[in-house]
Amino acid sequence: MNQYEQGGTFQAPLEPGYGEPPRTSGLAISSLVCSLIFCCPLTTIIGPILGLIAFVSIGSKPHLRGKGLALTGIILGVLMTTLQAWAGFQFYDKLMKPVLEGPKTVLVAGFANDMSAFRDGLADGAVGVTDEEIQEFIDQLRSRYGEFSSTELDPSQSAPTAFGQPIILYTYLLHFSDSTVTADVEIVIADPQTGQFVMKLGVMTIRDSENGDLSFPPLVSDQNPDDSSDADVPDETDGG
């Protein structure tokens, strides 16, 4: 005789988790915590993944709570990751790329006879140069080294020690079709007078022991060699 014949009741098998006290999903909590740690790009990527897993698993387990936490972790993680990607791109494009490439953009413009673009890459102290001066500089480079190709930071130079200064001097290797030369280039990060961020080129000096160094903008002596110092002129009022 079975339980039905005895007047007993039939009880269906209990689902996993049925009867357990409600609790918040640990994955949902972890998702929110990871998404809030915005200083680390890796955690803001892990956060949405954990949140998605938690959101799906909570739906199939009645004793679990925390769908709101999981959803918040997903949204915050995606938002933080997007902001970090944007900030990283801006940092590279506005700061790292100009340092890594140095005078590349300016020289490409000069060899293409684009004087306006060449001048745009110069700091305020150098924008007063004429088209003729720019053309003369480019002609000298072309006659000495051939057509311009690319630039790279000199791997032999030590790291600059003037971080925090508005102007930092870097050494680059300039690659031309006929040869490679070394150049010391001032990277003007901020205007020394106003402190405004500019990221332009200051003085560029090509080191050439064989043909002589080339500087642009042309370096001008503080004193005209034709002028004579007052100390060298005899005072006619002196006796004898």
Protein backbone atom coordinates (compact mmCIF):
# COMPACT_ATOMS: atom_id res chain seq x y z
CA MET A 1 0.00 0.00 0.00
CA ASN A 2 1.44 3.34 -1.00
CA GLN A 3 0.97 6.79 0.49
CA TYR A 4 -1.97 7.62 -1.82
CA GLU A 5 -3.91 4.56 -0.64
CA GLN A 6 -3.18 5.53 2.96
CA GLY A 7 -4.65 9.01 2.43
CA GLY A 8 -1.24 10.77 2.52
CA THR A 9 -0.39 13.93 0.51
CA PHE A 10 2.14 14.18 -2.29
CA GLN A 11 4.98 16.72 -1.89
CA ALA A 12 6.99 17.78 -4.94
CA PRO A 13 10.81 17.84 -4.66
CA LEU A 14 12.08 21.14 -3.30
CA GLU A 15 14.04 23.41 -5.62
CA PRO A 16 17.63 24.11 -4.65
CA GLY A 17 17.75 26.97 -2.18
CA TYR A 18 14.07 26.70 -1.29
CA GLY A 19 13.52 27.40 2.36
CA GLU A 20 16.95 29.01 2.82
CA PRO A 21 16.96 32.44 4.45
CA PRO A 22 17.30 35.32 1.91
CA ARG A 23 20.79 36.66 1.50
CA THR A 24 22.55 39.16 -0.75
CA SER A 25 24.59 37.71 -3.58
CA GLY A 26 28.32 37.92 -2.94
CA LEU A 27 28.91 38.35 -6.68
CA ALA A 28 26.62 41.40 -6.73
CA ILE A 29 28.53 42.97 -3.84
CA SER A 30 31.87 42.19 -5.49
CA SER A 31 30.64 43.70 -8.75
CA LEU A 32 29.78 47.00 -7.07
CA VAL A 33 33.06 47.12 -5.11
CA CYS A 34 35.18 46.42 -8.20
CA SER A 35 33.35 49.03 -10.25
CA LEU A 36 33.93 51.65 -7.56
CA ILE A 37 37.71 51.09 -7.55
CA PHE A 38 38.11 53.45 -10.51
CA CYS A 39 41.83 53.97 -9.94
CA CYS A 40 42.51 50.50 -11.36
CA PRO A 41 41.32 49.86 -14.94
CA LEU A 42 41.29 46.09 -14.43
CA THR A 43 38.77 46.15 -11.60
CA THR A 44 36.31 48.33 -13.53
CA ILE A 45 36.35 45.70 -16.29
CA ILE A 46 35.86 42.82 -13.84
CA GLY A 47 33.00 44.67 -12.08
CA PRO A 48 30.48 44.53 -14.97
CA ILE A 49 31.36 40.89 -15.66
CA LEU A 50 30.67 39.88 -12.06
CA GLY A 51 27.51 42.00 -12.09
CA LEU A 52 26.19 40.26 -15.19
CA ILE A 53 26.85 36.80 -13.69
CA ALA A 54 25.19 37.86 -10.43
CA PHE A 55 22.15 39.33 -12.20
CA VAL A 56 21.54 36.09 -14.11
CA SER A 57 22.15 33.77 -11.14
CA ILE A 58 19.87 35.77 -8.81
CA GLY A 59 16.96 35.25 -11.19
CA SER A 60 17.23 31.46 -10.87
CA LYS A 61 17.76 31.36 -7.09
CA PRO A 62 14.84 32.67 -5.04
CA HIS A 63 16.86 32.95 -1.83
CA LEU A 64 19.35 35.39 -3.38
CA ARG A 65 18.95 39.16 -3.34
CA GLY A 66 20.97 41.97 -4.90
CA LYS A 67 19.76 42.51 -8.46
CA GLY A 68 19.93 46.25 -7.87
CA LEU A 69 23.53 46.00 -6.65
CA ALA A 70 24.46 43.89 -9.66
CA LEU A 71 22.82 46.32 -12.08
CA THR A 72 24.52 49.27 -10.38
CA GLY A 73 27.89 47.48 -10.61
CA ILE A 74 27.36 46.88 -14.34
CA ILE A 75 26.44 50.50 -15.07
CA LEU A 76 29.22 52.00 -12.93
CA GLY A 77 31.83 49.60 -14.31
CA VAL A 78 30.98 50.41 -17.93
CA LEU A 79 30.92 54.14 -17.13
CA MET A 80 34.25 54.10 -15.27
CA THR A 81 35.93 51.99 -17.96
CA THR A 82 34.75 54.42 -20.64
CA LEU A 83 36.04 57.42 -18.67
CA GLN A 84 39.39 55.71 -18.08
CA ALA A 85 39.75 54.91 -21.78
CA TRP A 86 38.96 58.53 -22.67
CA ALA A 87 41.40 59.88 -20.07
CA GLY A 88 44.10 57.49 -21.24
CA PHE A 89 43.66 58.57 -24.84
CA GLN A 90 43.81 62.25 -23.87
CA PHE A 91 46.95 61.66 -21.79
CA TYR A 92 48.67 59.89 -24.67
CA ASP A 93 47.49 62.28 -27.39
CA LYS A 94 48.17 65.53 -25.51
CA LEU A 95 51.26 64.62 -23.49
CA MET A 96 52.95 61.33 -24.34
CA LYS A 97 52.70 61.47 -28.14
CA PRO A 98 54.30 64.95 -28.45
CA VAL A 99 57.16 63.82 -26.21
CA LEU A 100 57.68 60.53 -28.06
CA GLU A 101 57.59 62.12 -31.53
CA GLY A 102 59.28 65.41 -30.66
CA PRO A 103 59.82 67.52 -33.82
CA LYS A 104 58.27 64.97 -36.19
CA THR A 105 55.06 66.90 -36.97
CA VAL A 106 56.96 70.16 -37.47
CA LEU A 107 59.55 68.61 -39.78
CA VAL A 108 56.94 66.76 -41.83
CA ALA A 109 55.16 70.09 -42.37
CA GLY A 110 58.40 71.86 -43.24
CA PHE A 111 59.46 69.29 -45.83
CA ALA A 112 55.95 69.55 -47.33
CA ASN A 113 56.37 73.34 -47.60
CA ASP A 114 53.49 73.88 -45.16
CA MET A 115 54.88 76.90 -43.35
CA SER A 116 51.70 77.55 -41.40
CA ALA A 117 51.64 74.04 -39.88
CA PHE A 118 55.37 74.28 -39.18
CA ARG A 119 54.87 77.55 -37.30
CA ASP A 120 51.86 76.17 -35.39
CA GLY A 121 54.10 73.61 -33.75
CA LEU A 122 56.42 76.23 -32.30
CA ALA A 123 56.15 77.87 -28.89
CA ASP A 124 55.15 81.53 -28.73
CA GLY A 125 58.76 82.61 -28.50
CA ALA A 126 59.49 81.16 -31.95
CA VAL A 127 56.37 81.92 -33.98
CA GLY A 128 57.79 85.21 -35.21
CA VAL A 129 60.17 83.50 -37.63
CA THR A 130 59.63 84.24 -41.30
CA ASP A 131 58.80 81.79 -44.08
CA GLU A 132 62.22 82.51 -45.55
CA GLU A 133 63.95 81.45 -42.30
CA ILE A 134 61.92 78.27 -42.18
CA GLN A 135 62.67 77.48 -45.82
CA GLU A 136 66.39 78.12 -45.30
CA PHE A 137 66.42 75.71 -42.35
CA ILE A 138 64.58 73.00 -44.31
CA ASP A 139 66.86 73.48 -47.33
CA GLN A 140 69.94 73.01 -45.15
CA LEU A 141 68.50 69.82 -43.66
CA ARG A 142 67.61 68.47 -47.10
CA SER A 143 71.00 69.27 -48.61
CA ARG A 144 72.88 67.70 -45.69
CA TYR A 145 70.80 64.64 -44.82
CA GLY A 146 68.20 64.06 -47.56
CA GLU A 147 64.44 63.73 -47.14
CA PHE A 148 63.00 63.54 -43.64
CA SER A 149 61.66 60.15 -42.49
CA SER A 150 60.92 59.86 -38.76
CA THR A 151 62.01 60.64 -35.20
CA GLU A 152 62.53 58.69 -32.00
CA LEU A 153 63.75 59.44 -28.50
CA ASP A 154 67.47 58.76 -28.18
CA PRO A 155 67.59 55.45 -26.24
CA SER A 156 71.03 56.32 -24.87
CA GLN A 157 69.90 59.45 -23.03
CA SER A 158 69.14 59.33 -19.33
CA ALA A 159 65.69 60.25 -18.09
CA PRO A 160 65.21 64.02 -17.80
CA THR A 161 65.55 65.27 -14.24
CA ALA A 162 63.60 68.50 -14.73
CA PHE A 163 60.09 67.07 -14.38
CA GLY A 164 57.70 69.73 -13.17
CA GLN A 165 59.50 72.46 -15.13
CA PRO A 166 57.69 74.28 -17.95
CA ILE A 167 60.46 73.45 -20.45
CA ILE A 168 62.23 70.07 -20.64
CA LEU A 169 65.13 69.22 -22.97
CA TYR A 170 64.96 65.88 -24.78
CA THR A 171 67.39 64.25 -27.20
CA TYR A 172 66.05 62.67 -30.39
CA LEU A 173 67.36 60.70 -33.31
CA LEU A 174 66.21 62.27 -36.58
CA HIS A 175 66.09 59.80 -39.46
CA PHE A 176 66.60 61.12 -42.98
CA SER A 177 66.99 59.28 -46.28
CA ASP A 178 70.77 59.74 -46.28
CA SER A 179 71.68 59.69 -42.59
CA THR A 180 70.57 59.83 -38.97
CA VAL A 181 71.48 62.77 -36.75
CA THR A 182 71.03 63.70 -33.11
CA ALA A 183 68.99 66.71 -32.04
CA ASP A 184 68.42 68.40 -28.69
CA VAL A 185 64.85 69.70 -28.59
CA GLU A 186 63.10 71.85 -26.01
CA ILE A 187 59.58 70.62 -25.27
CA VAL A 188 57.64 73.60 -23.91
CA ILE A 189 54.98 72.00 -21.72
CA ALA A 190 53.61 75.24 -20.28
CA ASP A 191 54.09 78.91 -20.99
CA PRO A 192 56.72 80.10 -18.47
CA GLN A 193 54.90 83.42 -18.07
CA THR A 194 51.26 82.37 -17.80
CA GLY A 195 51.57 78.69 -16.85
CA GLN A 196 49.12 77.78 -19.63
CA PHE A 197 49.51 74.25 -21.05
CA VAL A 198 50.87 74.53 -24.62
CA MET A 199 52.96 71.43 -25.51
CA LYS A 200 54.99 73.09 -28.27
CA LEU A 201 58.59 73.07 -29.51
CA GLY A 202 61.18 75.54 -28.32
CA VAL A 203 64.73 75.63 -29.68
CA MET A 204 65.79 72.64 -31.79
CA THR A 205 69.53 72.07 -32.23
CA ILE A 206 70.88 69.51 -34.72
CA ARG A 207 74.24 68.17 -33.57
CA ASP A 208 76.61 67.92 -36.55
CA SER A 209 80.32 67.83 -35.79
CA GLU A 210 81.20 67.58 -39.48
CA ASN A 211 79.15 70.40 -41.01
CA GLY A 212 78.40 72.46 -37.94
CA ASP A 213 75.35 72.53 -35.65
CA LEU A 214 72.00 73.81 -36.92
CA SER A 215 69.60 75.58 -34.57
CA PHE A 216 66.03 76.63 -35.12
CA PRO A 217 64.84 79.24 -34.44
CA PRO A 218 68.24 80.76 -35.26
CA LEU A 219 70.14 81.62 -32.13
CA VAL A 220 70.91 85.32 -31.89
CA SER A 221 73.85 86.61 -29.90
CA ASP A 222 72.92 88.74 -26.93
CA GLN A 223 75.36 91.34 -28.13
CA ASN A 224 76.10 92.55 -31.65
CA PRO A 225 79.75 91.76 -32.34
CA ASP A 226 80.06 95.05 -34.26
CA ASP A 227 79.13 97.03 -31.17
CA SER A 228 81.93 98.09 -28.89
CA SER A 229 81.62 98.06 -25.16
CA ASP A 230 81.76 101.38 -23.42
CA ALA A 231 84.60 99.99 -21.35
CA ASP A 232 86.71 99.66 -24.53
CA VAL A 233 86.27 103.29 -25.56
CA PRO A 234 88.95 105.56 -24.12
CA ASP A 235 87.58 108.35 -22.01
CA GLU A 236 88.77 111.52 -23.73
CA THR A 237 88.34 113.44 -20.50
CA ASP A 238 91.04 111.40 -18.80
CA GLY A 239 94.33 113.11 -18.57
CA GLY A 240 97.39 111.84 -20.36
